[in-house]
C-alpha cells in the first residue's frame, strides 16, 4: 500500500510546526491535479495524504504554506519569512510509503526522504 505523509519542524523555535496548510498534487500533463489538502496537527504531522490510486507511480508536489504559519507565530518585521511557501517535488516509482519531512525557519528550509 502506497502512502505519503509529512511532518514540519520549526527549527527556529525548536518545536513541531502545528497548523501549517499542506497540499498534495500530482503532475498531469503540463499541469498539476490537487489530490488532498490538510493542516499539520499539534505534533507537526499529516498522515496519509495519498488517496487510493491504482498506480501511484508519478511525480508529486507537496506545498507548505509556511508564510501564513510564521505570520501566525507573531513574527515581527525583522523575522518576516523570506519564503511564503515551500514546494517539494518528488517521484514515486513503487508501491511503498513515502515520508517527506520539512525542517523550516523564516529564512531557510531543508527536506529529505524520511522513513
N, C-alpha and C. Protein backbone atom coordinates (compact mmCIF):
# COMPACT_ATOMS: atom_id res chain seq x y z
N UNK A 1 0.84 -1.18 0.00
CA UNK A 1 0.00 0.00 0.00
C UNK A 1 0.88 1.24 0.00
N UNK A 2 0.68 2.09 -0.92
CA UNK A 2 1.45 3.31 -1.03
C UNK A 2 0.81 4.40 -0.18
N UNK A 3 1.61 5.30 0.30
CA UNK A 3 1.10 6.42 1.08
C UNK A 3 2.11 7.54 1.10
N UNK A 4 1.63 8.74 1.41
CA UNK A 4 2.51 9.90 1.54
C UNK A 4 2.16 10.60 2.85
N UNK A 5 3.17 10.77 3.68
CA UNK A 5 2.98 11.51 4.92
C UNK A 5 4.08 12.55 5.03
N UNK A 6 3.89 13.49 5.95
CA UNK A 6 4.88 14.53 6.14
C UNK A 6 4.85 15.02 7.58
N UNK A 7 5.88 15.70 7.97
CA UNK A 7 5.84 16.46 9.21
C UNK A 7 6.71 17.70 9.03
N UNK A 8 6.36 18.74 9.77
CA UNK A 8 7.05 20.02 9.66
C UNK A 8 7.61 20.38 11.02
N UNK A 9 8.90 20.69 11.07
CA UNK A 9 9.55 21.11 12.29
C UNK A 9 10.02 22.55 12.13
N UNK A 10 9.67 23.38 13.08
CA UNK A 10 10.09 24.77 13.11
C UNK A 10 11.45 24.80 13.80
N UNK A 11 12.50 24.88 13.01
CA UNK A 11 13.85 24.81 13.59
C UNK A 11 14.24 26.10 14.31
N UNK A 12 13.58 27.21 14.00
CA UNK A 12 13.87 28.46 14.71
C UNK A 12 13.35 28.41 16.14
N UNK A 13 12.26 27.70 16.34
CA UNK A 13 11.66 27.62 17.67
C UNK A 13 11.93 26.27 18.35
N UNK A 14 12.47 25.34 17.60
CA UNK A 14 12.80 24.04 18.18
C UNK A 14 11.59 23.21 18.54
N UNK A 15 10.53 23.27 17.72
CA UNK A 15 9.31 22.51 18.02
C UNK A 15 8.55 22.18 16.73
N UNK A 16 7.59 21.26 16.84
CA UNK A 16 6.77 20.96 15.66
C UNK A 16 5.99 22.20 15.22
N UNK A 17 5.76 22.31 13.93
CA UNK A 17 5.01 23.43 13.37
C UNK A 17 3.56 23.00 13.18
N UNK A 18 2.72 23.35 14.13
CA UNK A 18 1.30 23.00 14.08
C UNK A 18 0.54 24.02 13.24
N UNK A 19 -0.44 23.55 12.49
CA UNK A 19 -1.32 24.43 11.73
C UNK A 19 -0.80 24.86 10.38
N UNK A 20 0.22 24.22 9.86
CA UNK A 20 0.72 24.56 8.53
C UNK A 20 -0.18 23.90 7.48
N UNK A 21 -0.70 24.71 6.56
CA UNK A 21 -1.52 24.17 5.47
C UNK A 21 -0.61 23.45 4.48
N UNK A 22 -1.00 22.21 4.13
CA UNK A 22 -0.23 21.37 3.23
C UNK A 22 -1.16 20.86 2.14
N UNK A 23 -0.71 20.88 0.90
CA UNK A 23 -1.50 20.29 -0.18
C UNK A 23 -0.62 19.33 -0.98
N UNK A 24 -1.26 18.32 -1.54
CA UNK A 24 -0.58 17.33 -2.36
C UNK A 24 -1.19 17.39 -3.76
N UNK A 25 -0.33 17.46 -4.77
CA UNK A 25 -0.78 17.46 -6.16
C UNK A 25 0.05 16.46 -6.94
N UNK A 26 -0.53 15.98 -8.04
CA UNK A 26 0.16 15.03 -8.93
C UNK A 26 0.28 15.66 -10.30
N UNK A 27 1.45 15.51 -10.91
CA UNK A 27 1.67 16.07 -12.24
C UNK A 27 0.76 15.36 -13.23
N UNK A 28 0.11 16.17 -14.05
CA UNK A 28 -0.83 15.65 -15.04
C UNK A 28 -0.61 16.44 -16.33
N UNK A 29 0.11 15.84 -17.28
CA UNK A 29 0.45 16.57 -18.50
C UNK A 29 1.37 17.72 -18.16
N UNK A 30 0.97 18.94 -18.55
CA UNK A 30 1.78 20.13 -18.25
C UNK A 30 1.35 20.84 -16.98
N UNK A 31 0.36 20.28 -16.28
CA UNK A 31 -0.15 20.93 -15.08
C UNK A 31 -0.13 20.00 -13.88
N UNK A 32 -0.89 20.39 -12.86
CA UNK A 32 -0.96 19.64 -11.61
C UNK A 32 -2.42 19.43 -11.24
N UNK A 33 -2.72 18.28 -10.66
CA UNK A 33 -4.05 17.97 -10.15
C UNK A 33 -3.95 17.82 -8.64
N UNK A 34 -4.67 18.67 -7.91
CA UNK A 34 -4.63 18.57 -6.45
C UNK A 34 -5.38 17.32 -6.00
N UNK A 35 -4.73 16.56 -5.12
CA UNK A 35 -5.30 15.31 -4.62
C UNK A 35 -5.81 15.43 -3.19
N UNK A 36 -5.16 16.24 -2.39
CA UNK A 36 -5.53 16.32 -0.97
C UNK A 36 -4.98 17.61 -0.37
N UNK A 37 -5.61 18.02 0.72
CA UNK A 37 -5.14 19.18 1.48
C UNK A 37 -5.45 18.93 2.96
N UNK A 38 -4.56 19.39 3.81
CA UNK A 38 -4.74 19.21 5.25
C UNK A 38 -3.86 20.23 5.96
N UNK A 39 -3.96 20.28 7.28
CA UNK A 39 -3.08 21.10 8.10
C UNK A 39 -2.35 20.20 9.07
N UNK A 40 -1.14 20.57 9.41
CA UNK A 40 -0.38 19.77 10.36
C UNK A 40 -1.04 19.80 11.74
N UNK A 41 -0.95 18.69 12.44
CA UNK A 41 -1.54 18.59 13.78
C UNK A 41 -0.60 19.19 14.82
N UNK A 42 -0.92 19.03 16.08
CA UNK A 42 -0.12 19.60 17.17
C UNK A 42 1.32 19.08 17.16
N UNK A 43 1.52 17.88 16.62
CA UNK A 43 2.85 17.31 16.51
C UNK A 43 3.54 17.66 15.21
N UNK A 44 2.93 18.55 14.41
CA UNK A 44 3.51 18.97 13.13
C UNK A 44 3.35 17.94 12.02
N UNK A 45 2.45 16.98 12.21
CA UNK A 45 2.33 15.87 11.25
C UNK A 45 1.03 15.89 10.45
N UNK A 46 1.12 15.30 9.26
CA UNK A 46 -0.04 15.00 8.44
C UNK A 46 0.12 13.54 8.03
N UNK A 47 -0.90 12.75 8.34
CA UNK A 47 -0.86 11.33 7.99
C UNK A 47 -0.98 11.14 6.48
N UNK A 48 -1.52 10.05 6.08
CA UNK A 48 -1.56 9.70 4.66
C UNK A 48 -2.36 10.71 3.83
N UNK A 49 -1.66 11.41 2.95
CA UNK A 49 -2.30 12.36 2.04
C UNK A 49 -2.69 11.73 0.71
N UNK A 50 -2.11 10.58 0.39
CA UNK A 50 -2.35 9.97 -0.92
C UNK A 50 -3.63 9.15 -0.91
N UNK A 51 -4.63 9.57 -1.68
CA UNK A 51 -5.85 8.76 -1.75
C UNK A 51 -5.57 7.45 -2.48
N UNK A 52 -6.51 6.55 -2.39
CA UNK A 52 -6.35 5.26 -3.07
C UNK A 52 -6.24 5.49 -4.57
N UNK A 53 -5.12 5.10 -5.14
CA UNK A 53 -4.92 5.17 -6.58
C UNK A 53 -4.41 3.83 -7.06
N UNK A 54 -4.83 3.44 -8.24
CA UNK A 54 -4.46 2.12 -8.77
C UNK A 54 -2.95 2.05 -9.02
N UNK A 55 -2.40 3.08 -9.62
CA UNK A 55 -0.97 3.12 -9.93
C UNK A 55 -0.39 4.41 -9.37
N UNK A 56 0.29 4.36 -8.22
CA UNK A 56 0.78 5.58 -7.60
C UNK A 56 2.02 6.17 -8.27
N UNK A 57 2.64 5.45 -9.21
CA UNK A 57 3.86 5.96 -9.85
C UNK A 57 3.58 7.30 -10.52
N UNK A 58 4.47 8.25 -10.29
CA UNK A 58 4.31 9.56 -10.91
C UNK A 58 5.09 10.62 -10.15
N UNK A 59 4.91 11.85 -10.57
CA UNK A 59 5.57 13.00 -9.96
C UNK A 59 4.55 13.74 -9.10
N UNK A 60 4.94 14.03 -7.87
CA UNK A 60 4.06 14.66 -6.90
C UNK A 60 4.67 15.95 -6.38
N UNK A 61 3.80 16.81 -5.84
CA UNK A 61 4.25 18.07 -5.25
C UNK A 61 3.55 18.28 -3.91
N UNK A 62 4.34 18.49 -2.88
CA UNK A 62 3.82 18.93 -1.59
C UNK A 62 4.06 20.43 -1.49
N UNK A 63 3.03 21.16 -1.12
CA UNK A 63 3.15 22.62 -0.95
C UNK A 63 2.80 22.96 0.49
N UNK A 64 3.69 23.68 1.14
CA UNK A 64 3.55 24.06 2.54
C UNK A 64 3.40 25.58 2.62
N UNK A 65 2.34 26.06 3.25
CA UNK A 65 2.11 27.49 3.38
C UNK A 65 2.81 27.99 4.65
N UNK A 66 4.13 28.12 4.57
CA UNK A 66 4.91 28.49 5.75
C UNK A 66 4.82 29.98 6.06
N UNK A 67 4.53 30.80 5.07
CA UNK A 67 4.38 32.24 5.32
C UNK A 67 3.25 32.52 6.28
N UNK A 68 2.12 31.89 6.07
CA UNK A 68 0.97 32.07 6.97
C UNK A 68 1.29 31.51 8.35
N UNK A 69 2.01 30.39 8.40
CA UNK A 69 2.39 29.82 9.69
C UNK A 69 3.24 30.81 10.49
N UNK A 70 4.29 31.36 9.86
CA UNK A 70 5.16 32.28 10.59
C UNK A 70 4.43 33.57 10.95
N UNK A 71 3.53 34.04 10.10
CA UNK A 71 2.74 35.23 10.43
C UNK A 71 1.89 34.97 11.66
N UNK A 72 1.34 33.76 11.77
CA UNK A 72 0.51 33.40 12.92
C UNK A 72 1.33 33.28 14.21
N UNK A 73 2.64 33.10 14.06
CA UNK A 73 3.50 32.98 15.24
C UNK A 73 3.84 34.35 15.82
N UNK A 74 3.40 35.40 15.14
CA UNK A 74 3.65 36.74 15.63
C UNK A 74 5.04 37.25 15.33
N UNK A 75 5.66 36.68 14.29
CA UNK A 75 6.99 37.15 13.91
C UNK A 75 6.89 38.61 13.47
N UNK A 76 7.75 39.46 14.03
CA UNK A 76 7.76 40.88 13.66
C UNK A 76 8.37 41.09 12.30
N UNK A 77 8.48 42.34 11.89
CA UNK A 77 9.03 42.67 10.57
C UNK A 77 10.45 42.14 10.42
N UNK A 78 11.21 42.09 11.51
CA UNK A 78 12.58 41.59 11.43
C UNK A 78 12.63 40.09 11.17
N UNK A 79 11.55 39.39 11.49
CA UNK A 79 11.52 37.94 11.30
C UNK A 79 10.49 37.52 10.27
N UNK A 80 10.01 38.46 9.46
CA UNK A 80 9.05 38.09 8.40
C UNK A 80 9.71 37.06 7.50
N UNK A 81 9.01 35.98 7.19
CA UNK A 81 9.64 34.90 6.43
C UNK A 81 10.04 35.31 5.02
N UNK A 82 11.16 34.80 4.59
CA UNK A 82 11.66 35.02 3.24
C UNK A 82 10.88 34.20 2.22
N UNK A 83 10.47 32.99 2.61
CA UNK A 83 9.73 32.08 1.73
C UNK A 83 8.26 32.08 2.11
N UNK A 84 7.36 32.53 1.23
CA UNK A 84 5.94 32.49 1.56
C UNK A 84 5.39 31.07 1.56
N UNK A 85 5.98 30.22 0.75
CA UNK A 85 5.61 28.81 0.71
C UNK A 85 6.80 27.99 0.26
N UNK A 86 6.74 26.70 0.52
CA UNK A 86 7.77 25.77 0.09
C UNK A 86 7.08 24.69 -0.72
N UNK A 87 7.64 24.39 -1.88
CA UNK A 87 7.14 23.28 -2.69
C UNK A 87 8.24 22.24 -2.83
N UNK A 88 7.86 20.99 -2.59
CA UNK A 88 8.78 19.87 -2.72
C UNK A 88 8.21 18.95 -3.79
N UNK A 89 8.97 18.75 -4.85
CA UNK A 89 8.54 17.90 -5.95
C UNK A 89 9.38 16.62 -5.89
N UNK A 90 8.71 15.48 -5.97
CA UNK A 90 9.40 14.19 -5.87
C UNK A 90 8.68 13.15 -6.72
N UNK A 91 9.33 12.03 -6.92
CA UNK A 91 8.77 10.96 -7.75
C UNK A 91 8.52 9.70 -6.93
N UNK A 92 7.40 9.08 -7.23
CA UNK A 92 7.07 7.77 -6.68
C UNK A 92 7.24 6.76 -7.81
N UNK A 93 8.00 5.72 -7.53
CA UNK A 93 8.26 4.71 -8.56
C UNK A 93 7.73 3.33 -8.18
N UNK A 94 7.35 3.17 -6.91
CA UNK A 94 6.91 1.85 -6.48
C UNK A 94 5.84 1.99 -5.40
N UNK A 95 5.29 0.86 -5.02
CA UNK A 95 4.20 0.86 -4.04
C UNK A 95 4.79 0.67 -2.65
N UNK A 96 5.11 1.77 -2.00
CA UNK A 96 5.56 1.75 -0.62
C UNK A 96 5.21 3.10 -0.01
N UNK A 97 5.49 3.26 1.27
CA UNK A 97 5.16 4.50 1.95
C UNK A 97 6.27 5.53 1.74
N UNK A 98 5.88 6.77 1.49
CA UNK A 98 6.82 7.87 1.33
C UNK A 98 6.56 8.90 2.43
N UNK A 99 7.60 9.20 3.20
CA UNK A 99 7.51 10.21 4.25
C UNK A 99 8.46 11.34 3.86
N UNK A 100 7.92 12.56 3.73
CA UNK A 100 8.70 13.71 3.24
C UNK A 100 8.65 14.82 4.30
N UNK A 101 9.63 14.87 5.19
CA UNK A 101 9.66 15.89 6.23
C UNK A 101 10.16 17.24 5.70
N UNK A 102 9.77 18.30 6.41
CA UNK A 102 10.24 19.64 6.11
C UNK A 102 10.74 20.27 7.41
N UNK A 103 11.98 20.73 7.41
CA UNK A 103 12.53 21.50 8.52
C UNK A 103 12.59 22.93 8.02
N UNK A 104 11.97 23.86 8.78
CA UNK A 104 11.81 25.21 8.26
C UNK A 104 12.08 26.27 9.32
N UNK A 105 12.61 27.38 8.87
CA UNK A 105 12.77 28.58 9.69
C UNK A 105 12.35 29.75 8.80
N UNK A 106 12.26 30.95 9.33
CA UNK A 106 11.84 32.08 8.48
C UNK A 106 12.76 32.33 7.28
N UNK A 107 14.01 31.87 7.35
CA UNK A 107 14.96 32.19 6.29
C UNK A 107 15.59 30.98 5.61
N UNK A 108 15.08 29.79 5.85
CA UNK A 108 15.64 28.62 5.20
C UNK A 108 14.81 27.38 5.44
N UNK A 109 15.07 26.36 4.64
CA UNK A 109 14.40 25.08 4.83
C UNK A 109 15.25 23.96 4.25
N UNK A 110 14.95 22.76 4.70
CA UNK A 110 15.58 21.56 4.16
C UNK A 110 14.58 20.43 4.21
N UNK A 111 14.80 19.44 3.39
CA UNK A 111 13.91 18.28 3.34
C UNK A 111 14.73 17.04 3.01
N UNK A 112 14.14 15.90 3.20
CA UNK A 112 14.79 14.63 2.90
C UNK A 112 13.73 13.56 2.81
N UNK A 113 14.11 12.39 2.31
CA UNK A 113 13.18 11.27 2.32
C UNK A 113 13.28 10.59 3.66
N UNK A 114 12.22 10.65 4.42
CA UNK A 114 12.20 10.04 5.74
C UNK A 114 11.74 8.60 5.68
N UNK A 115 11.48 8.07 6.86
CA UNK A 115 11.03 6.68 6.93
C UNK A 115 9.77 6.59 7.78
